[in-house]
């Protein structure tokens, strides 16, 4: 039971943490459509 509780804490923490991390990243993510519109007008050098 102790082993199970420890592993459950690890698994649930990882699952929940990844969800929160995805939410945090989502808030600061630029939609790809907007980026592509901007990239079309940019003069950034292509290598």
ModelCIF file with pLDDT and N, C-alpha, C, O atoms, coordinates in Angstrom:
data_MODEL
#
_entry.id   MODEL 
#
_entity.id                         1 
_entity.type                       polymer 
_entity.pdbx_number_of_molecules   1 
#
_entity_poly.entity_id                      1 
_entity_poly.type                           'polypeptide(L)' 
_entity_poly.nstd_linkage                   no 
_entity_poly.nstd_monomer                   no 
_entity_poly.pdbx_seq_one_letter_code       
;(UNK)(UNK)(UNK)(UNK)(UNK)(UNK)(UNK)(UNK)(UNK)(UNK)(UNK)(UNK)(UNK)(UNK)(UNK)(UNK)
(UNK)(UNK)(UNK)(UNK)(UNK)(UNK)(UNK)(UNK)(UNK)(UNK)(UNK)(UNK)(UNK)(UNK)(UNK)(UNK)
(UNK)(UNK)(UNK)(UNK)(UNK)(UNK)(UNK)(UNK)(UNK)(UNK)(UNK)(UNK)(UNK)(UNK)(UNK)
;
_entity_poly.pdbx_seq_one_letter_code_can   XXXXXXXXXXXXXXXXXXXXXXXXXXXXXXXXXXXXXXXXXXXXXXX 
_entity_poly.pdbx_strand_id                 A 
#
loop_
_entity_poly_seq.entity_id 
_entity_poly_seq.num 
_entity_poly_seq.mon_id 
_entity_poly_seq.hetero 
1 1  UNK n 
1 2  UNK n 
1 3  UNK n 
1 4  UNK n 
1 5  UNK n 
1 6  UNK n 
1 7  UNK n 
1 8  UNK n 
1 9  UNK n 
1 10 UNK n 
1 11 UNK n 
1 12 UNK n 
1 13 UNK n 
1 14 UNK n 
1 15 UNK n 
1 16 UNK n 
1 17 UNK n 
1 18 UNK n 
1 19 UNK n 
1 20 UNK n 
1 21 UNK n 
1 22 UNK n 
1 23 UNK n 
1 24 UNK n 
1 25 UNK n 
1 26 UNK n 
1 27 UNK n 
1 28 UNK n 
1 29 UNK n 
1 30 UNK n 
1 31 UNK n 
1 32 UNK n 
1 33 UNK n 
1 34 UNK n 
1 35 UNK n 
1 36 UNK n 
1 37 UNK n 
1 38 UNK n 
1 39 UNK n 
1 40 UNK n 
1 41 UNK n 
1 42 UNK n 
1 43 UNK n 
1 44 UNK n 
1 45 UNK n 
1 46 UNK n 
1 47 UNK n 
#
_struct_asym.id          A 
_struct_asym.entity_id   1 
#
loop_
_ma_qa_metric.id 
_ma_qa_metric.mode 
_ma_qa_metric.name 
_ma_qa_metric.software_group_id 
_ma_qa_metric.type 
1 global pLDDT . pLDDT 
2 local  pLDDT . pLDDT 
#
_ma_qa_metric_global.metric_id      1 
_ma_qa_metric_global.metric_value   79.85 
_ma_qa_metric_global.model_id       1 
_ma_qa_metric_global.ordinal_id     1 
#
loop_
_ma_qa_metric_local.label_asym_id 
_ma_qa_metric_local.label_comp_id 
_ma_qa_metric_local.label_seq_id 
_ma_qa_metric_local.metric_id 
_ma_qa_metric_local.metric_value 
_ma_qa_metric_local.model_id 
_ma_qa_metric_local.ordinal_id 
A UNK 1  2 87.00 1 1  
A UNK 2  2 88.00 1 2  
A UNK 3  2 88.00 1 3  
A UNK 4  2 87.00 1 4  
A UNK 5  2 89.00 1 5  
A UNK 6  2 91.00 1 6  
A UNK 7  2 90.00 1 7  
A UNK 8  2 89.00 1 8  
A UNK 9  2 89.00 1 9  
A UNK 10 2 90.00 1 10 
A UNK 11 2 88.00 1 11 
A UNK 12 2 86.00 1 12 
A UNK 13 2 88.00 1 13 
A UNK 14 2 87.00 1 14 
A UNK 15 2 85.00 1 15 
A UNK 16 2 84.00 1 16 
A UNK 17 2 84.00 1 17 
A UNK 18 2 82.00 1 18 
A UNK 19 2 81.00 1 19 
A UNK 20 2 80.00 1 20 
A UNK 21 2 80.00 1 21 
A UNK 22 2 77.00 1 22 
A UNK 23 2 77.00 1 23 
A UNK 24 2 76.00 1 24 
A UNK 25 2 73.00 1 25 
A UNK 26 2 74.00 1 26 
A UNK 27 2 73.00 1 27 
A UNK 28 2 68.00 1 28 
A UNK 29 2 76.00 1 29 
A UNK 30 2 78.00 1 30 
A UNK 31 2 80.00 1 31 
A UNK 32 2 81.00 1 32 
A UNK 33 2 81.00 1 33 
A UNK 34 2 81.00 1 34 
A UNK 35 2 81.00 1 35 
A UNK 36 2 80.00 1 36 
A UNK 37 2 78.00 1 37 
A UNK 38 2 75.00 1 38 
A UNK 39 2 68.00 1 39 
A UNK 40 2 61.00 1 40 
A UNK 41 2 58.00 1 41 
A UNK 42 2 63.00 1 42 
A UNK 43 2 63.00 1 43 
A UNK 44 2 71.00 1 44 
A UNK 45 2 81.00 1 45 
A UNK 46 2 82.00 1 46 
A UNK 47 2 84.00 1 47 
#
loop_
_atom_site.group_PDB 
_atom_site.id 
_atom_site.type_symbol 
_atom_site.label_atom_id 
_atom_site.label_alt_id 
_atom_site.label_comp_id 
_atom_site.label_asym_id 
_atom_site.label_entity_id 
_atom_site.label_seq_id 
_atom_site.pdbx_PDB_ins_code 
_atom_site.Cartn_x 
_atom_site.Cartn_y 
_atom_site.Cartn_z 
_atom_site.occupancy 
_atom_site.B_iso_or_equiv 
_atom_site.pdbx_formal_charge 
_atom_site.auth_seq_id 
_atom_site.auth_comp_id 
_atom_site.auth_asym_id 
_atom_site.auth_atom_id 
_atom_site.pdbx_PDB_model_num 
ATOM 1   N N  . UNK A 1 1  ? 0.824  -1.207 0.000   1.00 87.00 ? 1  UNK A N  1 
ATOM 2   C CA . UNK A 1 1  ? 0.000  0.000  0.000   1.00 87.00 ? 1  UNK A CA 1 
ATOM 3   C C  . UNK A 1 1  ? 0.859  1.258  0.000   1.00 87.00 ? 1  UNK A C  1 
ATOM 4   O O  . UNK A 1 1  ? 0.553  2.227  -0.695  1.00 87.00 ? 1  UNK A O  1 
ATOM 5   N N  . UNK A 1 2  ? 1.927  1.238  0.776   1.00 88.00 ? 2  UNK A N  1 
ATOM 6   C CA . UNK A 1 2  ? 2.841  2.386  0.809   1.00 88.00 ? 2  UNK A CA 1 
ATOM 7   C C  . UNK A 1 2  ? 3.524  2.547  -0.547  1.00 88.00 ? 2  UNK A C  1 
ATOM 8   O O  . UNK A 1 2  ? 3.650  3.656  -1.066  1.00 88.00 ? 2  UNK A O  1 
ATOM 9   N N  . UNK A 1 3  ? 3.964  1.416  -1.111  1.00 88.00 ? 3  UNK A N  1 
ATOM 10  C CA . UNK A 1 3  ? 4.592  1.455  -2.440  1.00 88.00 ? 3  UNK A CA 1 
ATOM 11  C C  . UNK A 1 3  ? 3.603  2.016  -3.463  1.00 88.00 ? 3  UNK A C  1 
ATOM 12  O O  . UNK A 1 3  ? 3.943  2.883  -4.269  1.00 88.00 ? 3  UNK A O  1 
ATOM 13  N N  . UNK A 1 4  ? 2.361  1.495  -3.412  1.00 87.00 ? 4  UNK A N  1 
ATOM 14  C CA . UNK A 1 4  ? 1.333  1.967  -4.331  1.00 87.00 ? 4  UNK A CA 1 
ATOM 15  C C  . UNK A 1 4  ? 1.041  3.445  -4.150  1.00 87.00 ? 4  UNK A C  1 
ATOM 16  O O  . UNK A 1 4  ? 0.870  4.171  -5.130  1.00 87.00 ? 4  UNK A O  1 
ATOM 17  N N  . UNK A 1 5  ? 0.982  3.902  -2.886  1.00 89.00 ? 5  UNK A N  1 
ATOM 18  C CA . UNK A 1 5  ? 0.695  5.318  -2.609  1.00 89.00 ? 5  UNK A CA 1 
ATOM 19  C C  . UNK A 1 5  ? 1.805  6.216  -3.155  1.00 89.00 ? 5  UNK A C  1 
ATOM 20  O O  . UNK A 1 5  ? 1.529  7.280  -3.708  1.00 89.00 ? 5  UNK A O  1 
ATOM 21  N N  . UNK A 1 6  ? 3.069  5.784  -2.998  1.00 91.00 ? 6  UNK A N  1 
ATOM 22  C CA . UNK A 1 6  ? 4.196  6.581  -3.496  1.00 91.00 ? 6  UNK A CA 1 
ATOM 23  C C  . UNK A 1 6  ? 4.140  6.676  -5.023  1.00 91.00 ? 6  UNK A C  1 
ATOM 24  O O  . UNK A 1 6  ? 4.297  7.756  -5.592  1.00 91.00 ? 6  UNK A O  1 
ATOM 25  N N  . UNK A 1 7  ? 3.915  5.537  -5.676  1.00 90.00 ? 7  UNK A N  1 
ATOM 26  C CA . UNK A 1 7  ? 3.878  5.530  -7.141  1.00 90.00 ? 7  UNK A CA 1 
ATOM 27  C C  . UNK A 1 7  ? 2.671  6.305  -7.649  1.00 90.00 ? 7  UNK A C  1 
ATOM 28  O O  . UNK A 1 7  ? 2.757  7.001  -8.661  1.00 90.00 ? 7  UNK A O  1 
ATOM 29  N N  . UNK A 1 8  ? 1.542  6.186  -6.947  1.00 89.00 ? 8  UNK A N  1 
ATOM 30  C CA . UNK A 1 8  ? 0.355  6.953  -7.334  1.00 89.00 ? 8  UNK A CA 1 
ATOM 31  C C  . UNK A 1 8  ? 0.625  8.449  -7.213  1.00 89.00 ? 8  UNK A C  1 
ATOM 32  O O  . UNK A 1 8  ? 0.210  9.228  -8.072  1.00 89.00 ? 8  UNK A O  1 
ATOM 33  N N  . UNK A 1 9  ? 1.322  8.855  -6.144  1.00 89.00 ? 9  UNK A N  1 
ATOM 34  C CA . UNK A 1 9  ? 1.662  10.275 -5.972  1.00 89.00 ? 9  UNK A CA 1 
ATOM 35  C C  . UNK A 1 9  ? 2.555  10.747 -7.117  1.00 89.00 ? 9  UNK A C  1 
ATOM 36  O O  . UNK A 1 9  ? 2.379  11.850 -7.634  1.00 89.00 ? 9  UNK A O  1 
ATOM 37  N N  . UNK A 1 10 ? 3.516  9.907  -7.512  1.00 90.00 ? 10 UNK A N  1 
ATOM 38  C CA . UNK A 1 10 ? 4.410  10.270 -8.616  1.00 90.00 ? 10 UNK A CA 1 
ATOM 39  C C  . UNK A 1 10 ? 3.637  10.381 -9.932  1.00 90.00 ? 10 UNK A C  1 
ATOM 40  O O  . UNK A 1 10 ? 3.802  11.349 -10.675 1.00 90.00 ? 10 UNK A O  1 
ATOM 41  N N  . UNK A 1 11 ? 2.788  9.376  -10.216 1.00 88.00 ? 11 UNK A N  1 
ATOM 42  C CA . UNK A 1 11 ? 2.059  9.350  -11.486 1.00 88.00 ? 11 UNK A CA 1 
ATOM 43  C C  . UNK A 1 11 ? 1.044  10.488 -11.574 1.00 88.00 ? 11 UNK A C  1 
ATOM 44  O O  . UNK A 1 11 ? 0.951  11.168 -12.596 1.00 88.00 ? 11 UNK A O  1 
ATOM 45  N N  . UNK A 1 12 ? 0.283  10.691 -10.496 1.00 86.00 ? 12 UNK A N  1 
ATOM 46  C CA . UNK A 1 12 ? -0.734 11.745 -10.523 1.00 86.00 ? 12 UNK A CA 1 
ATOM 47  C C  . UNK A 1 12 ? -0.088 13.129 -10.567 1.00 86.00 ? 12 UNK A C  1 
ATOM 48  O O  . UNK A 1 12 ? -0.599 14.040 -11.218 1.00 86.00 ? 12 UNK A O  1 
ATOM 49  N N  . UNK A 1 13 ? 1.047  13.277 -9.864  1.00 88.00 ? 13 UNK A N  1 
ATOM 50  C CA . UNK A 1 13 ? 1.760  14.560 -9.898  1.00 88.00 ? 13 UNK A CA 1 
ATOM 51  C C  . UNK A 1 13 ? 2.286  14.836 -11.302 1.00 88.00 ? 13 UNK A C  1 
ATOM 52  O O  . UNK A 1 13 ? 2.189  15.960 -11.796 1.00 88.00 ? 13 UNK A O  1 
ATOM 53  N N  . UNK A 1 14 ? 2.840  13.819 -11.938 1.00 87.00 ? 14 UNK A N  1 
ATOM 54  C CA . UNK A 1 14 ? 3.367  14.014 -13.289 1.00 87.00 ? 14 UNK A CA 1 
ATOM 55  C C  . UNK A 1 14 ? 2.242  14.357 -14.262 1.00 87.00 ? 14 UNK A C  1 
ATOM 56  O O  . UNK A 1 14 ? 2.371  15.271 -15.076 1.00 87.00 ? 14 UNK A O  1 
ATOM 57  N N  . UNK A 1 15 ? 1.130  13.609 -14.171 1.00 85.00 ? 15 UNK A N  1 
ATOM 58  C CA . UNK A 1 15 ? 0.006  13.851 -15.082 1.00 85.00 ? 15 UNK A CA 1 
ATOM 59  C C  . UNK A 1 15 ? -0.561 15.256 -14.867 1.00 85.00 ? 15 UNK A C  1 
ATOM 60  O O  . UNK A 1 15 ? -0.783 15.992 -15.829 1.00 85.00 ? 15 UNK A O  1 
ATOM 61  N N  . UNK A 1 16 ? -0.794 15.622 -13.614 1.00 84.00 ? 16 UNK A N  1 
ATOM 62  C CA . UNK A 1 16 ? -1.341 16.939 -13.308 1.00 84.00 ? 16 UNK A CA 1 
ATOM 63  C C  . UNK A 1 16 ? -0.357 18.039 -13.686 1.00 84.00 ? 16 UNK A C  1 
ATOM 64  O O  . UNK A 1 16 ? -0.742 19.060 -14.255 1.00 84.00 ? 16 UNK A O  1 
ATOM 65  N N  . UNK A 1 17 ? 0.929  17.819 -13.361 1.00 84.00 ? 17 UNK A N  1 
ATOM 66  C CA . UNK A 1 17 ? 1.943  18.819 -13.665 1.00 84.00 ? 17 UNK A CA 1 
ATOM 67  C C  . UNK A 1 17 ? 2.091  19.068 -15.156 1.00 84.00 ? 17 UNK A C  1 
ATOM 68  O O  . UNK A 1 17 ? 2.253  20.212 -15.580 1.00 84.00 ? 17 UNK A O  1 
ATOM 69  N N  . UNK A 1 18 ? 2.036  18.006 -15.959 1.00 82.00 ? 18 UNK A N  1 
ATOM 70  C CA . UNK A 1 18 ? 2.123  18.175 -17.403 1.00 82.00 ? 18 UNK A CA 1 
ATOM 71  C C  . UNK A 1 18 ? 0.925  18.954 -17.938 1.00 82.00 ? 18 UNK A C  1 
ATOM 72  O O  . UNK A 1 18 ? 1.046  19.756 -18.864 1.00 82.00 ? 18 UNK A O  1 
ATOM 73  N N  . UNK A 1 19 ? -0.239 18.697 -17.329 1.00 81.00 ? 19 UNK A N  1 
ATOM 74  C CA . UNK A 1 19 ? -1.421 19.448 -17.744 1.00 81.00 ? 19 UNK A CA 1 
ATOM 75  C C  . UNK A 1 19 ? -1.293 20.928 -17.435 1.00 81.00 ? 19 UNK A C  1 
ATOM 76  O O  . UNK A 1 19 ? -1.637 21.769 -18.265 1.00 81.00 ? 19 UNK A O  1 
ATOM 77  N N  . UNK A 1 20 ? -0.796 21.257 -16.230 1.00 80.00 ? 20 UNK A N  1 
ATOM 78  C CA . UNK A 1 20 ? -0.608 22.659 -15.837 1.00 80.00 ? 20 UNK A CA 1 
ATOM 79  C C  . UNK A 1 20 ? 0.457  23.318 -16.710 1.00 80.00 ? 20 UNK A C  1 
ATOM 80  O O  . UNK A 1 20 ? 0.304  24.465 -17.132 1.00 80.00 ? 20 UNK A O  1 
ATOM 81  N N  . UNK A 1 21 ? 1.550  22.573 -16.979 1.00 80.00 ? 21 UNK A N  1 
ATOM 82  C CA . UNK A 1 21 ? 2.612  23.108 -17.823 1.00 80.00 ? 21 UNK A CA 1 
ATOM 83  C C  . UNK A 1 21 ? 2.082  23.414 -19.226 1.00 80.00 ? 21 UNK A C  1 
ATOM 84  O O  . UNK A 1 21 ? 2.419  24.440 -19.816 1.00 80.00 ? 21 UNK A O  1 
ATOM 85  N N  . UNK A 1 22 ? 1.245  22.505 -19.753 1.00 77.00 ? 22 UNK A N  1 
ATOM 86  C CA . UNK A 1 22 ? 0.670  22.728 -21.085 1.00 77.00 ? 22 UNK A CA 1 
ATOM 87  C C  . UNK A 1 22 ? -0.202 23.983 -21.089 1.00 77.00 ? 22 UNK A C  1 
ATOM 88  O O  . UNK A 1 22 ? -0.195 24.745 -22.055 1.00 77.00 ? 22 UNK A O  1 
ATOM 89  N N  . UNK A 1 23 ? -0.964 24.196 -19.987 1.00 77.00 ? 23 UNK A N  1 
ATOM 90  C CA . UNK A 1 23 ? -1.806 25.398 -19.882 1.00 77.00 ? 23 UNK A CA 1 
ATOM 91  C C  . UNK A 1 23 ? -0.955 26.661 -19.855 1.00 77.00 ? 23 UNK A C  1 
ATOM 92  O O  . UNK A 1 23 ? -1.279 27.649 -20.515 1.00 77.00 ? 23 UNK A O  1 
ATOM 93  N N  . UNK A 1 24 ? 0.150  26.627 -19.080 1.00 76.00 ? 24 UNK A N  1 
ATOM 94  C CA . UNK A 1 24 ? 1.031  27.790 -18.981 1.00 76.00 ? 24 UNK A CA 1 
ATOM 95  C C  . UNK A 1 24 ? 1.651  28.110 -20.352 1.00 76.00 ? 24 UNK A C  1 
ATOM 96  O O  . UNK A 1 24 ? 1.723  29.269 -20.758 1.00 76.00 ? 24 UNK A O  1 
ATOM 97  N N  . UNK A 1 25 ? 2.091  27.066 -21.047 1.00 73.00 ? 25 UNK A N  1 
ATOM 98  C CA . UNK A 1 25 ? 2.693  27.277 -22.367 1.00 73.00 ? 25 UNK A CA 1 
ATOM 99  C C  . UNK A 1 25 ? 1.658  27.765 -23.373 1.00 73.00 ? 25 UNK A C  1 
ATOM 100 O O  . UNK A 1 25 ? 1.956  28.587 -24.240 1.00 73.00 ? 25 UNK A O  1 
ATOM 101 N N  . UNK A 1 26 ? 0.421  27.242 -23.246 1.00 74.00 ? 26 UNK A N  1 
ATOM 102 C CA . UNK A 1 26 ? -0.650 27.615 -24.175 1.00 74.00 ? 26 UNK A CA 1 
ATOM 103 C C  . UNK A 1 26 ? -0.952 29.113 -24.093 1.00 74.00 ? 26 UNK A C  1 
ATOM 104 O O  . UNK A 1 26 ? -1.217 29.763 -25.105 1.00 74.00 ? 26 UNK A O  1 
ATOM 105 N N  . UNK A 1 27 ? -0.907 29.650 -22.862 1.00 73.00 ? 27 UNK A N  1 
ATOM 106 C CA . UNK A 1 27 ? -1.218 31.071 -22.679 1.00 73.00 ? 27 UNK A CA 1 
ATOM 107 C C  . UNK A 1 27 ? -0.247 31.971 -23.433 1.00 73.00 ? 27 UNK A C  1 
ATOM 108 O O  . UNK A 1 27 ? -0.632 33.012 -23.966 1.00 73.00 ? 27 UNK A O  1 
ATOM 109 N N  . UNK A 1 28 ? 1.030  31.552 -23.472 1.00 68.00 ? 28 UNK A N  1 
ATOM 110 C CA . UNK A 1 28 ? 2.020  32.405 -24.121 1.00 68.00 ? 28 UNK A CA 1 
ATOM 111 C C  . UNK A 1 28 ? 2.356  31.978 -25.535 1.00 68.00 ? 28 UNK A C  1 
ATOM 112 O O  . UNK A 1 28 ? 3.328  32.456 -26.121 1.00 68.00 ? 28 UNK A O  1 
ATOM 113 N N  . UNK A 1 29 ? 1.546  31.068 -26.090 1.00 76.00 ? 29 UNK A N  1 
ATOM 114 C CA . UNK A 1 29 ? 1.839  30.560 -27.428 1.00 76.00 ? 29 UNK A CA 1 
ATOM 115 C C  . UNK A 1 29 ? 1.198  31.426 -28.504 1.00 76.00 ? 29 UNK A C  1 
ATOM 116 O O  . UNK A 1 29 ? 0.022  31.779 -28.414 1.00 76.00 ? 29 UNK A O  1 
ATOM 117 N N  . UNK A 1 30 ? 1.975  31.761 -29.513 1.00 78.00 ? 30 UNK A N  1 
ATOM 118 C CA . UNK A 1 30 ? 1.461  32.515 -30.655 1.00 78.00 ? 30 UNK A CA 1 
ATOM 119 C C  . UNK A 1 30 ? 0.814  31.537 -31.631 1.00 78.00 ? 30 UNK A C  1 
ATOM 120 O O  . UNK A 1 30 ? 1.454  30.563 -32.027 1.00 78.00 ? 30 UNK A O  1 
ATOM 121 N N  . UNK A 1 31 ? -0.451 31.771 -32.033 1.00 80.00 ? 31 UNK A N  1 
ATOM 122 C CA . UNK A 1 31 ? -1.088 30.879 -33.010 1.00 80.00 ? 31 UNK A CA 1 
ATOM 123 C C  . UNK A 1 31 ? -0.242 30.795 -34.278 1.00 80.00 ? 31 UNK A C  1 
ATOM 124 O O  . UNK A 1 31 ? 0.276  31.802 -34.760 1.00 80.00 ? 31 UNK A O  1 
ATOM 125 N N  . UNK A 1 32 ? -0.112 29.590 -34.805 1.00 81.00 ? 32 UNK A N  1 
ATOM 126 C CA . UNK A 1 32 ? 0.751  29.377 -35.961 1.00 81.00 ? 32 UNK A CA 1 
ATOM 127 C C  . UNK A 1 32 ? 0.271  30.160 -37.186 1.00 81.00 ? 32 UNK A C  1 
ATOM 128 O O  . UNK A 1 32 ? 1.086  30.584 -38.006 1.00 81.00 ? 32 UNK A O  1 
ATOM 129 N N  . UNK A 1 33 ? -1.037 30.355 -37.316 1.00 81.00 ? 33 UNK A N  1 
ATOM 130 C CA . UNK A 1 33 ? -1.561 31.120 -38.459 1.00 81.00 ? 33 UNK A CA 1 
ATOM 131 C C  . UNK A 1 33 ? -1.031 32.549 -38.441 1.00 81.00 ? 33 UNK A C  1 
ATOM 132 O O  . UNK A 1 33 ? -0.646 33.080 -39.483 1.00 81.00 ? 33 UNK A O  1 
ATOM 133 N N  . UNK A 1 34 ? -1.009 33.178 -37.261 1.00 81.00 ? 34 UNK A N  1 
ATOM 134 C CA . UNK A 1 34 ? -0.503 34.551 -37.152 1.00 81.00 ? 34 UNK A CA 1 
ATOM 135 C C  . UNK A 1 34 ? 0.989  34.598 -37.459 1.00 81.00 ? 34 UNK A C  1 
ATOM 136 O O  . UNK A 1 34 ? 1.470  35.527 -38.108 1.00 81.00 ? 34 UNK A O  1 
ATOM 137 N N  . UNK A 1 35 ? 1.716  33.587 -36.988 1.00 81.00 ? 35 UNK A N  1 
ATOM 138 C CA . UNK A 1 35 ? 3.155  33.555 -37.237 1.00 81.00 ? 35 UNK A CA 1 
ATOM 139 C C  . UNK A 1 35 ? 3.439  33.425 -38.733 1.00 81.00 ? 35 UNK A C  1 
ATOM 140 O O  . UNK A 1 35 ? 4.328  34.092 -39.263 1.00 81.00 ? 35 UNK A O  1 
ATOM 141 N N  . UNK A 1 36 ? 2.671  32.557 -39.413 1.00 80.00 ? 36 UNK A N  1 
ATOM 142 C CA . UNK A 1 36 ? 2.903  32.349 -40.846 1.00 80.00 ? 36 UNK A CA 1 
ATOM 143 C C  . UNK A 1 36 ? 2.601  33.612 -41.650 1.00 80.00 ? 36 UNK A C  1 
ATOM 144 O O  . UNK A 1 36 ? 3.301  33.925 -42.612 1.00 80.00 ? 36 UNK A O  1 
ATOM 145 N N  . UNK A 1 37 ? 1.550  34.337 -41.247 1.00 78.00 ? 37 UNK A N  1 
ATOM 146 C CA . UNK A 1 37 ? 1.253  35.608 -41.922 1.00 78.00 ? 37 UNK A CA 1 
ATOM 147 C C  . UNK A 1 37 ? 2.419  36.577 -41.753 1.00 78.00 ? 37 UNK A C  1 
ATOM 148 O O  . UNK A 1 37 ? 2.819  37.270 -42.688 1.00 78.00 ? 37 UNK A O  1 
ATOM 149 N N  . UNK A 1 38 ? 2.948  36.602 -40.534 1.00 75.00 ? 38 UNK A N  1 
ATOM 150 C CA . UNK A 1 38 ? 4.066  37.501 -40.261 1.00 75.00 ? 38 UNK A CA 1 
ATOM 151 C C  . UNK A 1 38 ? 5.324  37.038 -40.998 1.00 75.00 ? 38 UNK A C  1 
ATOM 152 O O  . UNK A 1 38 ? 6.092  37.858 -41.500 1.00 75.00 ? 38 UNK A O  1 
ATOM 153 N N  . UNK A 1 39 ? 5.532  35.700 -41.059 1.00 68.00 ? 39 UNK A N  1 
ATOM 154 C CA . UNK A 1 39 ? 6.720  35.144 -41.721 1.00 68.00 ? 39 UNK A CA 1 
ATOM 155 C C  . UNK A 1 39 ? 6.693  35.440 -43.215 1.00 68.00 ? 39 UNK A C  1 
ATOM 156 O O  . UNK A 1 39 ? 7.741  35.609 -43.838 1.00 68.00 ? 39 UNK A O  1 
ATOM 157 N N  . UNK A 1 40 ? 5.463  35.505 -43.803 1.00 61.00 ? 40 UNK A N  1 
ATOM 158 C CA . UNK A 1 40 ? 5.349  35.794 -45.226 1.00 61.00 ? 40 UNK A CA 1 
ATOM 159 C C  . UNK A 1 40 ? 5.834  37.181 -45.566 1.00 61.00 ? 40 UNK A C  1 
ATOM 160 O O  . UNK A 1 40 ? 6.328  37.407 -46.670 1.00 61.00 ? 40 UNK A O  1 
ATOM 161 N N  . UNK A 1 41 ? 5.705  38.120 -44.638 1.00 58.00 ? 41 UNK A N  1 
ATOM 162 C CA . UNK A 1 41 ? 6.123  39.494 -44.912 1.00 58.00 ? 41 UNK A CA 1 
ATOM 163 C C  . UNK A 1 41 ? 7.508  39.799 -44.389 1.00 58.00 ? 41 UNK A C  1 
ATOM 164 O O  . UNK A 1 41 ? 8.029  40.884 -44.646 1.00 58.00 ? 41 UNK A O  1 
ATOM 165 N N  . UNK A 1 42 ? 8.123  38.879 -43.665 1.00 63.00 ? 42 UNK A N  1 
ATOM 166 C CA . UNK A 1 42 ? 9.446  39.113 -43.095 1.00 63.00 ? 42 UNK A CA 1 
ATOM 167 C C  . UNK A 1 42 ? 10.529 39.001 -44.172 1.00 63.00 ? 42 UNK A C  1 
ATOM 168 O O  . UNK A 1 42 ? 10.353 38.351 -45.203 1.00 63.00 ? 42 UNK A O  1 
ATOM 169 N N  . UNK A 1 43 ? 11.608 39.634 -43.900 1.00 63.00 ? 43 UNK A N  1 
ATOM 170 C CA . UNK A 1 43 ? 12.760 39.537 -44.808 1.00 63.00 ? 43 UNK A CA 1 
ATOM 171 C C  . UNK A 1 43 ? 13.882 38.741 -44.145 1.00 63.00 ? 43 UNK A C  1 
ATOM 172 O O  . UNK A 1 43 ? 15.053 38.892 -44.493 1.00 63.00 ? 43 UNK A O  1 
ATOM 173 N N  . UNK A 1 44 ? 13.509 37.888 -43.180 1.00 71.00 ? 44 UNK A N  1 
ATOM 174 C CA . UNK A 1 44 ? 14.518 37.076 -42.494 1.00 71.00 ? 44 UNK A CA 1 
ATOM 175 C C  . UNK A 1 44 ? 15.264 36.225 -43.512 1.00 71.00 ? 44 UNK A C  1 
ATOM 176 O O  . UNK A 1 44 ? 14.672 35.627 -44.410 1.00 71.00 ? 44 UNK A O  1 
ATOM 177 N N  . UNK A 1 45 ? 16.563 36.191 -43.345 1.00 81.00 ? 45 UNK A N  1 
ATOM 178 C CA . UNK A 1 45 ? 17.384 35.428 -44.278 1.00 81.00 ? 45 UNK A CA 1 
ATOM 179 C C  . UNK A 1 45 ? 17.084 33.937 -44.161 1.00 81.00 ? 45 UNK A C  1 
ATOM 180 O O  . UNK A 1 45 ? 16.943 33.419 -43.054 1.00 81.00 ? 45 UNK A O  1 
ATOM 181 N N  . UNK A 1 46 ? 16.985 33.246 -45.296 1.00 82.00 ? 46 UNK A N  1 
ATOM 182 C CA . UNK A 1 46 ? 16.750 31.798 -45.304 1.00 82.00 ? 46 UNK A CA 1 
ATOM 183 C C  . UNK A 1 46 ? 18.096 31.116 -45.570 1.00 82.00 ? 46 UNK A C  1 
ATOM 184 O O  . UNK A 1 46 ? 18.837 31.494 -46.478 1.00 82.00 ? 46 UNK A O  1 
ATOM 185 N N  . UNK A 1 47 ? 18.384 30.114 -44.760 1.00 84.00 ? 47 UNK A N  1 
ATOM 186 C CA . UNK A 1 47 ? 19.648 29.394 -44.904 1.00 84.00 ? 47 UNK A CA 1 
ATOM 187 C C  . UNK A 1 47 ? 19.361 27.976 -45.388 1.00 84.00 ? 47 UNK A C  1 
ATOM 188 O O  . UNK A 1 47 ? 20.288 27.189 -45.578 1.00 84.00 ? 47 UNK A O  1 
#
